[in-house]
Amino acid sequence: MDANRLRVFVEIARAGSVTAAARRLSFTPPAVSQQLAKLEQEAGCVLVERGRGVFRLTSAGQVLLERAERVLGELRDARSAVREEAGAATRRLAMGAFASAAKTLVPAALATFTAAHPQVRLALQDIEPPQGYDLVTSADLDLLITHRYPGTPLPAASGLRREPLLVDPLLVVLPEDHPAADTNQVSLADLAEDEWICGAPGVFNRVTLEDAADAAGVRLSVAFETADYEVTLALVRAGLGVSLIPETVLRESPSVGWVARPLEGPGLEREIYAVRRPRPPQQVLEMVAILRRSARRAELTARTS
């Protein structure tokens, strides 16, 4: 199979249509359709179901997509390895990170890396979990910063390396005049009458909160649904409710109008990971090492604050 056609196929699958893929590739839609047709001839089967209002991969198309992403990643790794052997450093490092990591862990790491490798062009994309693994597989991203909240599974990482960076405690955030603000710890039973602020059903922090409430035998009321922690803190400051927020997010926010307390019993924590390919360029490994140091400093700051 032609590697360029595999690239076109991957873009079609990600974009969700020939037209959208053509825009992303700066091709015409007929040219993309032609490449897809030739790839189907090479594969000997239909890869995409097409029709009015219908566009989805066949089962064979799904199988090819997984393998095509690996092939593209291997080709890019091979190119990087050859450049390194020839003494030509890799000139690109692309990262994806979820919003709060992009605000807390990533900026200092990028600055440190740039000081050591000013010739490398850095790129950063906002990617919310569980997305992004496929982009690492295909080497569109060199590194992905992702997370797992309690009660939610980690996505499959077939062929990739997932390295722990940070354990990030989840704290209960209360208005500063809340009756429980003067205690060292709070229980969900203490907050059963409060209005809660968190994500919509199925969002990670909502799943964690509901699982913790079920384990405590408590029924909680979610009045405000938002996935934005800055909005959440604004609502808490206004005295409209309480929430469960990662400690790293709180350290970057002015502690005015709210207080944070740990939950009684086993602590709730989200896990933050770096995801990479098995044999990346040396500079990717250096970036992972920098992120680990940044994460360790964050943990030390949390312990001493």
C-alpha atoms as a PDB file:
ATOM      1  CA  MET A   1       0.000   0.000   0.000  1.00  0.00           C
ATOM      2  CA  ASP A   2       1.160   3.512  -0.775  1.00  0.00           C
ATOM      3  CA  ALA A   3       2.156   5.445   2.365  1.00  0.00           C
ATOM      4  CA  ASN A   4       0.810   8.736   1.005  1.00  0.00           C
ATOM      5  CA  ARG A   5      -2.587   7.131   0.450  1.00  0.00           C
ATOM      6  CA  LEU A   6      -2.498   5.816   4.008  1.00  0.00           C
ATOM      7  CA  ARG A   7      -1.924   9.391   5.212  1.00  0.00           C
ATOM      8  CA  VAL A   8      -4.928  10.567   3.183  1.00  0.00           C
ATOM      9  CA  PHE A   9      -7.032   7.728   4.595  1.00  0.00           C
ATOM     10  CA  VAL A  10      -6.081   8.607   8.174  1.00  0.00           C
ATOM     11  CA  GLU A  11      -7.043  12.242   7.561  1.00  0.00           C
ATOM     12  CA  ILE A  12     -10.390  11.165   6.082  1.00  0.00           C
ATOM     13  CA  ALA A  13     -11.110   9.021   9.148  1.00  0.00           C
ATOM     14  CA  ARG A  14     -10.204  11.814  11.563  1.00  0.00           C
ATOM     15  CA  ALA A  15     -11.973  14.587   9.672  1.00  0.00           C
ATOM     16  CA  GLY A  16     -15.142  12.538   9.175  1.00  0.00           C
ATOM     17  CA  SER A  17     -15.590  13.321   5.486  1.00  0.00           C
ATOM     18  CA  VAL A  18     -13.712  13.611   2.202  1.00  0.00           C
ATOM     19  CA  THR A  19     -14.458  17.338   1.990  1.00  0.00           C
ATOM     20  CA  ALA A  20     -13.135  18.086   5.479  1.00  0.00           C
ATOM     21  CA  ALA A  21     -10.038  15.975   4.861  1.00  0.00           C
ATOM     22  CA  ALA A  22      -9.413  17.805   1.595  1.00  0.00           C
ATOM     23  CA  ARG A  23      -9.442  21.144   3.433  1.00  0.00           C
ATOM     24  CA  ARG A  24      -6.967  19.848   6.026  1.00  0.00           C
ATOM     25  CA  LEU A  25      -4.651  18.444   3.350  1.00  0.00           C
ATOM     26  CA  SER A  26      -5.025  21.429   0.967  1.00  0.00           C
ATOM     27  CA  PHE A  27      -6.257  19.037  -1.745  1.00  0.00           C
ATOM     28  CA  THR A  28      -9.414  19.109  -3.830  1.00  0.00           C
ATOM     29  CA  PRO A  29     -12.218  16.724  -2.749  1.00  0.00           C
ATOM     30  CA  PRO A  30     -12.020  14.799  -6.079  1.00  0.00           C
ATOM     31  CA  ALA A  31      -8.290  14.241  -5.532  1.00  0.00           C
ATOM     32  CA  VAL A  32      -8.934  12.862  -2.025  1.00  0.00           C
ATOM     33  CA  SER A  33     -11.748  10.633  -3.324  1.00  0.00           C
ATOM     34  CA  GLN A  34      -9.417   9.318  -6.013  1.00  0.00           C
ATOM     35  CA  GLN A  35      -6.742   8.454  -3.445  1.00  0.00           C
ATOM     36  CA  LEU A  36      -9.329   6.658  -1.319  1.00  0.00           C
ATOM     37  CA  ALA A  37     -10.591   4.686  -4.310  1.00  0.00           C
ATOM     38  CA  LYS A  38      -7.043   3.601  -5.213  1.00  0.00           C
ATOM     39  CA  LEU A  39      -6.390   2.553  -1.615  1.00  0.00           C
ATOM     40  CA  GLU A  40      -9.553   0.450  -1.614  1.00  0.00           C
ATOM     41  CA  GLN A  41      -8.347  -1.198  -4.798  1.00  0.00           C
ATOM     42  CA  GLU A  42      -5.026  -1.984  -3.126  1.00  0.00           C
ATOM     43  CA  ALA A  43      -6.791  -3.304  -0.031  1.00  0.00           C
ATOM     44  CA  GLY A  44      -9.283  -5.320  -2.066  1.00  0.00           C
ATOM     45  CA  CYS A  45     -12.280  -4.210  -0.022  1.00  0.00           C
ATOM     46  CA  VAL A  46     -14.472  -1.229   0.872  1.00  0.00           C
ATOM     47  CA  LEU A  47     -12.944   0.880   3.644  1.00  0.00           C
ATOM     48  CA  VAL A  48     -15.545   3.636   3.988  1.00  0.00           C
ATOM     49  CA  GLU A  49     -19.337   3.481   3.740  1.00  0.00           C
ATOM     50  CA  ARG A  50     -20.490   6.489   1.752  1.00  0.00           C
ATOM     51  CA  GLY A  51     -23.954   7.742   1.018  1.00  0.00           C
ATOM     52  CA  ARG A  52     -26.355  10.586   1.626  1.00  0.00           C
ATOM     53  CA  GLY A  53     -25.774  11.636   5.236  1.00  0.00           C
ATOM     54  CA  VAL A  54     -23.672   8.528   5.894  1.00  0.00           C
ATOM     55  CA  PHE A  55     -19.910   8.423   6.316  1.00  0.00           C
ATOM     56  CA  ARG A  56     -18.301   5.781   8.506  1.00  0.00           C
ATOM     57  CA  LEU A  57     -15.468   3.305   8.395  1.00  0.00           C
ATOM     58  CA  THR A  58     -16.251  -0.312   7.674  1.00  0.00           C
ATOM     59  CA  SER A  59     -14.833  -2.950  10.027  1.00  0.00           C
ATOM     60  CA  ALA A  60     -11.998  -3.407   7.531  1.00  0.00           C
ATOM     61  CA  GLY A  61     -11.486   0.352   7.525  1.00  0.00           C
ATOM     62  CA  GLN A  62     -11.180   0.379  11.324  1.00  0.00           C
ATOM     63  CA  VAL A  63      -8.556  -2.358  11.178  1.00  0.00           C
ATOM     64  CA  LEU A  64      -6.593  -0.475   8.518  1.00  0.00           C
ATOM     65  CA  LEU A  65      -6.839   2.811  10.437  1.00  0.00           C
ATOM     66  CA  GLU A  66      -5.150   1.336  13.513  1.00  0.00           C
ATOM     67  CA  ARG A  67      -2.351  -0.124  11.425  1.00  0.00           C
ATOM     68  CA  ALA A  68      -1.999   2.910   9.172  1.00  0.00           C
ATOM     69  CA  GLU A  69      -1.419   5.134  12.210  1.00  0.00           C
ATOM     70  CA  ARG A  70       1.340   2.782  13.360  1.00  0.00           C
ATOM     71  CA  VAL A  71       2.926   2.697   9.895  1.00  0.00           C
ATOM     72  CA  LEU A  72       2.992   6.490   9.661  1.00  0.00           C
ATOM     73  CA  GLY A  73       4.502   6.730  13.130  1.00  0.00           C
ATOM     74  CA  GLU A  74       7.191   4.185  12.278  1.00  0.00           C
ATOM     75  CA  LEU A  75       8.081   6.058   9.087  1.00  0.00           C
ATOM     76  CA  ARG A  76       8.472   9.318  10.985  1.00  0.00           C
ATOM     77  CA  ASP A  77      10.540   7.603  13.678  1.00  0.00           C
ATOM     78  CA  ALA A  78      12.761   6.126  10.965  1.00  0.00           C
ATOM     79  CA  ARG A  79      13.294   9.553   9.438  1.00  0.00           C
ATOM     80  CA  SER A  80      14.173  11.026  12.854  1.00  0.00           C
ATOM     81  CA  ALA A  81      16.569   8.157  13.629  1.00  0.00           C
ATOM     82  CA  VAL A  82      18.370   8.621  10.299  1.00  0.00           C
ATOM     83  CA  ARG A  83      18.673  12.381  10.909  1.00  0.00           C
ATOM     84  CA  GLU A  84      20.115  11.797  14.381  1.00  0.00           C
ATOM     85  CA  GLU A  85      22.617   9.232  13.054  1.00  0.00           C
ATOM     86  CA  ALA A  86      23.675  11.725  10.392  1.00  0.00           C
ATOM     87  CA  GLY A  87      24.193  14.376  13.052  1.00  0.00           C
ATOM     88  CA  ALA A  88      21.126  16.429  12.112  1.00  0.00           C
ATOM     89  CA  ALA A  89      18.992  17.091  15.170  1.00  0.00           C
ATOM     90  CA  THR A  90      15.221  16.811  15.014  1.00  0.00           C
ATOM     91  CA  ARG A  91      13.789  20.271  14.416  1.00  0.00           C
ATOM     92  CA  ARG A  92      10.213  19.702  15.556  1.00  0.00           C
ATOM     93  CA  LEU A  93       8.571  18.578  18.781  1.00  0.00           C
ATOM     94  CA  ALA A  94       4.779  18.564  18.898  1.00  0.00           C
ATOM     95  CA  MET A  95       2.896  18.133  22.155  1.00  0.00           C
ATOM     96  CA  GLY A  96      -0.740  17.787  23.134  1.00  0.00           C
ATOM     97  CA  ALA A  97      -1.983  18.576  26.635  1.00  0.00           C
ATOM     98  CA  PHE A  98      -5.273  18.989  28.468  1.00  0.00           C
ATOM     99  CA  ALA A  99      -6.167  22.504  29.585  1.00  0.00           C
ATOM    100  CA  SER A 100      -5.051  22.536  33.219  1.00  0.00           C
ATOM    101  CA  ALA A 101      -1.734  20.790  32.444  1.00  0.00           C
ATOM    102  CA  ALA A 102      -1.128  23.272  29.606  1.00  0.00           C
ATOM    103  CA  LYS A 103      -1.576  26.018  32.188  1.00  0.00           C
ATOM    104  CA  THR A 104       0.447  24.526  35.047  1.00  0.00           C
ATOM    105  CA  LEU A 105       3.054  21.881  34.106  1.00  0.00           C
ATOM    106  CA  VAL A 106       3.773  22.624  30.461  1.00  0.00           C
ATOM    107  CA  PRO A 107       4.848  26.305  30.198  1.00  0.00           C
ATOM    108  CA  ALA A 108       7.921  26.011  32.433  1.00  0.00           C
ATOM    109  CA  ALA A 109       8.891  22.719  30.753  1.00  0.00           C
ATOM    110  CA  LEU A 110       8.681  24.310  27.296  1.00  0.00           C
ATOM    111  CA  ALA A 111      10.787  27.261  28.437  1.00  0.00           C
ATOM    112  CA  THR A 112      13.444  24.952  29.920  1.00  0.00           C
ATOM    113  CA  PHE A 113      13.534  22.836  26.768  1.00  0.00           C
ATOM    114  CA  THR A 114      13.777  25.874  24.485  1.00  0.00           C
ATOM    115  CA  ALA A 115      16.745  27.204  26.440  1.00  0.00           C
ATOM    116  CA  ALA A 116      18.582  23.917  25.806  1.00  0.00           C
ATOM    117  CA  HIS A 117      17.386  23.410  22.218  1.00  0.00           C
ATOM    118  CA  PRO A 118      16.680  26.797  20.609  1.00  0.00           C
ATOM    119  CA  GLN A 119      16.790  25.236  17.131  1.00  0.00           C
ATOM    120  CA  VAL A 120      13.793  22.966  17.802  1.00  0.00           C
ATOM    121  CA  ARG A 121      10.385  24.294  16.782  1.00  0.00           C
ATOM    122  CA  LEU A 122       7.815  23.521  19.476  1.00  0.00           C
ATOM    123  CA  ALA A 123       4.097  23.092  18.931  1.00  0.00           C
ATOM    124  CA  LEU A 124       1.289  22.630  21.468  1.00  0.00           C
ATOM    125  CA  GLN A 125      -2.321  21.535  20.948  1.00  0.00           C
ATOM    126  CA  ASP A 126      -5.231  21.546  23.399  1.00  0.00           C
ATOM    127  CA  ILE A 127      -6.375  17.915  23.611  1.00  0.00           C
ATOM    128  CA  GLU A 128      -8.787  16.769  26.284  1.00  0.00           C
ATOM    129  CA  PRO A 129      -8.646  13.144  27.481  1.00  0.00           C
ATOM    130  CA  PRO A 130      -9.261  10.489  26.345  1.00  0.00           C
ATOM    131  CA  GLN A 131      -8.369  11.925  22.905  1.00  0.00           C
ATOM    132  CA  GLY A 132      -4.883  12.099  21.407  1.00  0.00           C
ATOM    133  CA  TYR A 133      -3.510   8.563  21.595  1.00  0.00           C
ATOM    134  CA  ASP A 134      -4.012   8.045  17.853  1.00  0.00           C
ATOM    135  CA  LEU A 135      -2.056  11.230  17.127  1.00  0.00           C
ATOM    136  CA  VAL A 136       0.909   9.876  19.081  1.00  0.00           C
ATOM    137  CA  THR A 137       0.671   6.532  17.280  1.00  0.00           C
ATOM    138  CA  SER A 138       0.877   8.247  13.889  1.00  0.00           C
ATOM    139  CA  ALA A 139       3.592  10.665  15.141  1.00  0.00           C
ATOM    140  CA  ASP A 140       1.457  13.729  14.467  1.00  0.00           C
ATOM    141  CA  LEU A 141       2.222  14.316  18.145  1.00  0.00           C
ATOM    142  CA  ASP A 142       5.530  13.418  19.735  1.00  0.00           C
ATOM    143  CA  LEU A 143       4.143  13.589  23.245  1.00  0.00           C
ATOM    144  CA  LEU A 144       0.710  13.646  24.891  1.00  0.00           C
ATOM    145  CA  ILE A 145      -0.008  14.858  28.431  1.00  0.00           C
ATOM    146  CA  THR A 146      -3.189  13.160  29.602  1.00  0.00           C
ATOM    147  CA  HIS A 147      -4.926  12.137  32.822  1.00  0.00           C
ATOM    148  CA  ARG A 148      -7.124   9.593  34.532  1.00  0.00           C
ATOM    149  CA  TYR A 149      -9.687  10.469  37.201  1.00  0.00           C
ATOM    150  CA  PRO A 150     -10.804   7.925  39.817  1.00  0.00           C
ATOM    151  CA  GLY A 151     -13.556   5.682  38.498  1.00  0.00           C
ATOM    152  CA  THR A 152     -12.630   6.120  34.829  1.00  0.00           C
ATOM    153  CA  PRO A 153     -10.577   3.630  32.781  1.00  0.00           C
ATOM    154  CA  LEU A 154      -7.386   4.441  30.933  1.00  0.00           C
ATOM    155  CA  PRO A 155      -7.673   4.139  27.136  1.00  0.00           C
ATOM    156  CA  ALA A 156      -5.803   1.331  25.435  1.00  0.00           C
ATOM    157  CA  ALA A 157      -2.241   2.376  24.640  1.00  0.00           C
ATOM    158  CA  SER A 158      -1.282  -0.374  22.236  1.00  0.00           C
ATOM    159  CA  GLY A 159       2.315   0.067  21.114  1.00  0.00           C
ATOM    160  CA  LEU A 160       2.776   3.265  23.161  1.00  0.00           C
ATOM    161  CA  ARG A 161       4.528   4.047  26.434  1.00  0.00           C
ATOM    162  CA  ARG A 162       2.515   5.705  29.196  1.00  0.00           C
ATOM    163  CA  GLU A 163       4.723   7.191  31.930  1.00  0.00           C
ATOM    164  CA  PRO A 164       3.377   8.554  35.250  1.00  0.00           C
ATOM    165  CA  LEU A 165       4.203  12.213  35.861  1.00  0.00           C
ATOM    166  CA  LEU A 166       2.137  13.366  38.808  1.00  0.00           C
ATOM    167  CA  VAL A 167      -0.483  12.296  41.334  1.00  0.00           C
ATOM    168  CA  ASP A 168      -2.800  15.288  41.714  1.00  0.00           C
ATOM    169  CA  PRO A 169      -5.089  15.314  44.794  1.00  0.00           C
ATOM    170  CA  LEU A 170      -8.715  16.363  44.339  1.00  0.00           C
ATOM    171  CA  LEU A 171      -9.805  18.810  47.028  1.00  0.00           C
ATOM    172  CA  VAL A 172     -13.225  20.043  48.096  1.00  0.00           C
ATOM    173  CA  VAL A 173     -13.505  23.770  47.414  1.00  0.00           C
ATOM    174  CA  LEU A 174     -15.912  25.808  49.557  1.00  0.00           C
ATOM    175  CA  PRO A 175     -16.911  29.473  49.784  1.00  0.00           C
ATOM    176  CA  GLU A 176     -14.761  31.100  52.466  1.00  0.00           C
ATOM    177  CA  ASP A 177     -17.806  31.709  54.702  1.00  0.00           C
ATOM    178  CA  HIS A 178     -19.041  28.107  54.453  1.00  0.00           C
ATOM    179  CA  PRO A 179     -19.709  26.458  57.857  1.00  0.00           C
ATOM    180  CA  ALA A 180     -17.187  23.714  57.039  1.00  0.00           C
ATOM    181  CA  ALA A 181     -14.450  26.182  56.050  1.00  0.00           C
ATOM    182  CA  ASP A 182     -12.948  26.127  59.555  1.00  0.00           C
ATOM    183  CA  THR A 183     -12.456  22.341  59.619  1.00  0.00           C
ATOM    184  CA  ASN A 184      -9.300  20.501  58.552  1.00  0.00           C
ATOM    185  CA  GLN A 185     -11.215  17.876  56.562  1.00  0.00           C
ATOM    186  CA  VAL A 186     -14.745  17.547  55.251  1.00  0.00           C
ATOM    187  CA  SER A 187     -16.952  14.584  54.446  1.00  0.00           C
ATOM    188  CA  LEU A 188     -19.487  14.279  51.663  1.00  0.00           C
ATOM    189  CA  ALA A 189     -22.123  13.728  54.337  1.00  0.00           C
ATOM    190  CA  ASP A 190     -21.290  17.223  55.691  1.00  0.00           C
ATOM    191  CA  LEU A 191     -22.024  18.648  52.234  1.00  0.00           C
ATOM    192  CA  ALA A 192     -25.142  16.649  51.372  1.00  0.00           C
ATOM    193  CA  GLU A 193     -27.317  19.758  51.564  1.00  0.00           C
ATOM    194  CA  ASP A 194     -25.037  21.894  49.405  1.00  0.00           C
ATOM    195  CA  GLU A 195     -25.375  22.566  45.700  1.00  0.00           C
ATOM    196  CA  TRP A 196     -22.486  21.075  43.720  1.00  0.00           C
ATOM    197  CA  ILE A 197     -20.649  22.440  40.694  1.00  0.00           C
ATOM    198  CA  CYS A 198     -19.005  20.004  38.254  1.00  0.00           C
ATOM    199  CA  GLY A 199     -19.096  18.623  34.725  1.00  0.00           C
ATOM    200  CA  ALA A 200     -22.097  17.167  32.940  1.00  0.00           C
ATOM    201  CA  PRO A 201     -22.968  13.455  33.329  1.00  0.00           C
ATOM    202  CA  GLY A 202     -20.124  11.347  31.950  1.00  0.00           C
ATOM    203  CA  VAL A 203     -17.476  14.063  32.416  1.00  0.00           C
ATOM    204  CA  PHE A 204     -14.520  12.790  34.446  1.00  0.00           C
ATOM    205  CA  ASN A 205     -14.960  14.882  37.600  1.00  0.00           C
ATOM    206  CA  ARG A 206     -18.703  14.129  37.623  1.00  0.00           C
ATOM    207  CA  VAL A 207     -18.022  10.374  37.454  1.00  0.00           C
ATOM    208  CA  THR A 208     -15.531  10.676  40.329  1.00  0.00           C
ATOM    209  CA  LEU A 209     -17.940  12.704  42.456  1.00  0.00           C
ATOM    210  CA  GLU A 210     -20.853  10.344  41.860  1.00  0.00           C
ATOM    211  CA  ASP A 211     -18.727   7.271  42.640  1.00  0.00           C
ATOM    212  CA  ALA A 212     -17.472   8.857  45.882  1.00  0.00           C
ATOM    213  CA  ALA A 213     -21.019   9.795  46.875  1.00  0.00           C
ATOM    214  CA  ASP A 214     -22.261   6.258  46.201  1.00  0.00           C
ATOM    215  CA  ALA A 215     -19.419   4.820  48.294  1.00  0.00           C
ATOM    216  CA  ALA A 216     -20.319   7.177  51.150  1.00  0.00           C
ATOM    217  CA  GLY A 217     -24.029   6.439  50.842  1.00  0.00           C
ATOM    218  CA  VAL A 218     -24.770  10.102  50.164  1.00  0.00           C
ATOM    219  CA  ARG A 219     -27.004  11.676  47.541  1.00  0.00           C
ATOM    220  CA  LEU A 220     -25.635  14.946  46.165  1.00  0.00           C
ATOM    221  CA  SER A 221     -27.331  17.627  44.080  1.00  0.00           C
ATOM    222  CA  VAL A 222     -25.474  19.056  41.061  1.00  0.00           C
ATOM    223  CA  ALA A 223     -26.927  22.477  40.306  1.00  0.00           C
ATOM    224  CA  PHE A 224     -24.311  23.935  37.946  1.00  0.00           C
ATOM    225  CA  GLU A 225     -22.636  21.988  35.137  1.00  0.00           C
ATOM    226  CA  THR A 226     -19.369  23.271  33.691  1.00  0.00           C
ATOM    227  CA  ALA A 227     -16.132  21.638  32.571  1.00  0.00           C
ATOM    228  CA  ASP A 228     -14.192  24.898  33.090  1.00  0.00           C
ATOM    229  CA  TYR A 229     -12.474  25.040  36.479  1.00  0.00           C
ATOM    230  CA  GLU A 230     -12.107  28.830  36.319  1.00  0.00           C
ATOM    231  CA  VAL A 231     -15.881  29.143  35.912  1.00  0.00           C
ATOM    232  CA  THR A 232     -16.290  26.646  38.756  1.00  0.00           C
ATOM    233  CA  LEU A 233     -14.124  28.768  41.081  1.00  0.00           C
ATOM    234  CA  ALA A 234     -16.029  31.916  40.129  1.00  0.00           C
ATOM    235  CA  LEU A 235     -19.290  30.214  41.106  1.00  0.00           C
ATOM    236  CA  VAL A 236     -17.772  29.023  44.395  1.00  0.00           C
ATOM    237  CA  ARG A 237     -16.534  32.551  45.165  1.00  0.00           C
ATOM    238  CA  ALA A 238     -20.068  33.809  44.575  1.00  0.00           C
ATOM    239  CA  GLY A 239     -21.313  31.396  47.233  1.00  0.00           C
ATOM    240  CA  LEU A 240     -23.375  29.361  44.773  1.00  0.00           C
ATOM    241  CA  GLY A 241     -22.023  25.923  45.632  1.00  0.00           C
ATOM    242  CA  VAL A 242     -19.082  23.631  46.352  1.00  0.00           C
ATOM    243  CA  SER A 243     -16.875  21.584  44.052  1.00  0.00           C
ATOM    244  CA  LEU A 244     -14.103  18.996  43.708  1.00  0.00           C
ATOM    245  CA  ILE A 245     -11.038  20.493  41.990  1.00  0.00           C
ATOM    246  CA  PRO A 246      -7.457  19.237  41.360  1.00  0.00           C
ATOM    247  CA  GLU A 247      -4.802  20.765  43.586  1.00  0.00           C
ATOM    248  CA  THR A 248      -2.620  21.852  40.634  1.00  0.00           C
ATOM    249  CA  VAL A 249      -5.493  23.969  39.313  1.00  0.00           C
ATOM    250  CA  LEU A 250      -5.986  25.627  42.700  1.00  0.00           C
ATOM    251  CA  ARG A 251      -2.297  26.535  43.034  1.00  0.00           C
ATOM    252  CA  GLU A 252      -2.570  28.655  39.879  1.00  0.00           C
ATOM    253  CA  SER A 253      -5.715  30.485  41.037  1.00  0.00           C
ATOM    254  CA  PRO A 254      -5.893  33.432  43.466  1.00  0.00           C
ATOM    255  CA  SER A 255      -7.071  32.028  46.805  1.00  0.00           C
ATOM    256  CA  VAL A 256      -9.663  34.736  47.337  1.00  0.00           C
ATOM    257  CA  GLY A 257     -13.245  33.913  48.256  1.00  0.00           C
ATOM    258  CA  TRP A 258     -12.698  30.169  48.628  1.00  0.00           C
ATOM    259  CA  VAL A 259     -10.939  27.571  50.762  1.00  0.00           C
ATOM    260  CA  ALA A 260      -9.864  24.031  49.850  1.00  0.00           C
ATOM    261  CA  ARG A 261     -10.072  21.027  52.151  1.00  0.00           C
ATOM    262  CA  PRO A 262      -9.276  17.315  51.716  1.00  0.00           C
ATOM    263  CA  LEU A 263     -12.030  14.760  51.965  1.00  0.00           C
ATOM    264  CA  GLU A 264     -12.110  12.472  54.973  1.00  0.00           C
ATOM    265  CA  GLY A 265     -11.024   8.890  54.336  1.00  0.00           C
ATOM    266  CA  PRO A 266      -9.064   7.620  51.325  1.00  0.00           C
ATOM    267  CA  GLY A 267      -8.005  10.570  49.222  1.00  0.00           C
ATOM    268  CA  LEU A 268      -9.240  11.134  45.696  1.00  0.00           C
ATOM    269  CA  GLU A 269      -6.482  11.775  43.150  1.00  0.00           C
ATOM    270  CA  ARG A 270      -6.169  12.152  39.400  1.00  0.00           C
ATOM    271  CA  GLU A 271      -3.152  10.633  37.703  1.00  0.00           C
ATOM    272  CA  ILE A 272      -1.252  12.600  35.054  1.00  0.00           C
ATOM    273  CA  TYR A 273       0.727  10.746  32.375  1.00  0.00           C
ATOM    274  CA  ALA A 274       3.069  11.417  29.459  1.00  0.00           C
ATOM    275  CA  VAL A 275       2.341   9.205  26.434  1.00  0.00           C
ATOM    276  CA  ARG A 276       5.002   8.626  23.777  1.00  0.00           C
ATOM    277  CA  ARG A 277       6.064   6.127  21.132  1.00  0.00           C
ATOM    278  CA  PRO A 278       8.491   3.330  22.108  1.00  0.00           C
ATOM    279  CA  ARG A 279      11.509   4.648  20.165  1.00  0.00           C
ATOM    280  CA  PRO A 280      11.149   8.422  19.956  1.00  0.00           C
ATOM    281  CA  PRO A 281      13.877  10.941  19.127  1.00  0.00           C
ATOM    282  CA  GLN A 282      16.182  11.687  22.055  1.00  0.00           C
ATOM    283  CA  GLN A 283      14.678  15.150  22.413  1.00  0.00           C
ATOM    284  CA  VAL A 284      11.285  13.643  23.287  1.00  0.00           C
ATOM    285  CA  LEU A 285      12.901  11.696  26.132  1.00  0.00           C
ATOM    286  CA  GLU A 286      14.548  14.917  27.303  1.00  0.00           C
ATOM    287  CA  MET A 287      11.177  16.654  27.359  1.00  0.00           C
ATOM    288  CA  VAL A 288       9.688  13.814  29.424  1.00  0.00           C
ATOM    289  CA  ALA A 289      12.565  14.176  31.914  1.00  0.00           C
ATOM    290  CA  ILE A 290      11.930  17.933  32.142  1.00  0.00           C
ATOM    291  CA  LEU A 291       8.205  17.342  32.732  1.00  0.00           C
ATOM    292  CA  ARG A 292       9.026  14.857  35.510  1.00  0.00           C
ATOM    293  CA  ARG A 293      11.216  17.437  37.248  1.00  0.00           C
ATOM    294  CA  SER A 294       8.438  19.999  36.907  1.00  0.00           C
ATOM    295  CA  ALA A 295       5.952  17.513  38.373  1.00  0.00           C
ATOM    296  CA  ARG A 296       8.271  16.729  41.304  1.00  0.00           C
ATOM    297  CA  ARG A 297       8.591  20.434  42.074  1.00  0.00           C
ATOM    298  CA  ALA A 298       4.799  20.703  42.009  1.00  0.00           C
ATOM    299  CA  GLU A 299       4.488  17.814  44.478  1.00  0.00           C
ATOM    300  CA  LEU A 300       7.089  19.340  46.809  1.00  0.00           C
ATOM    301  CA  THR A 301       5.323  22.699  46.679  1.00  0.00           C
ATOM    302  CA  ALA A 302       2.032  20.999  47.584  1.00  0.00           C
ATOM    303  CA  ARG A 303       3.586  19.220  50.586  1.00  0.00           C
ATOM    304  CA  THR A 304       5.160  22.386  52.003  1.00  0.00           C
ATOM    305  CA  SER A 305       2.237  24.748  51.392  1.00  0.00           C
END
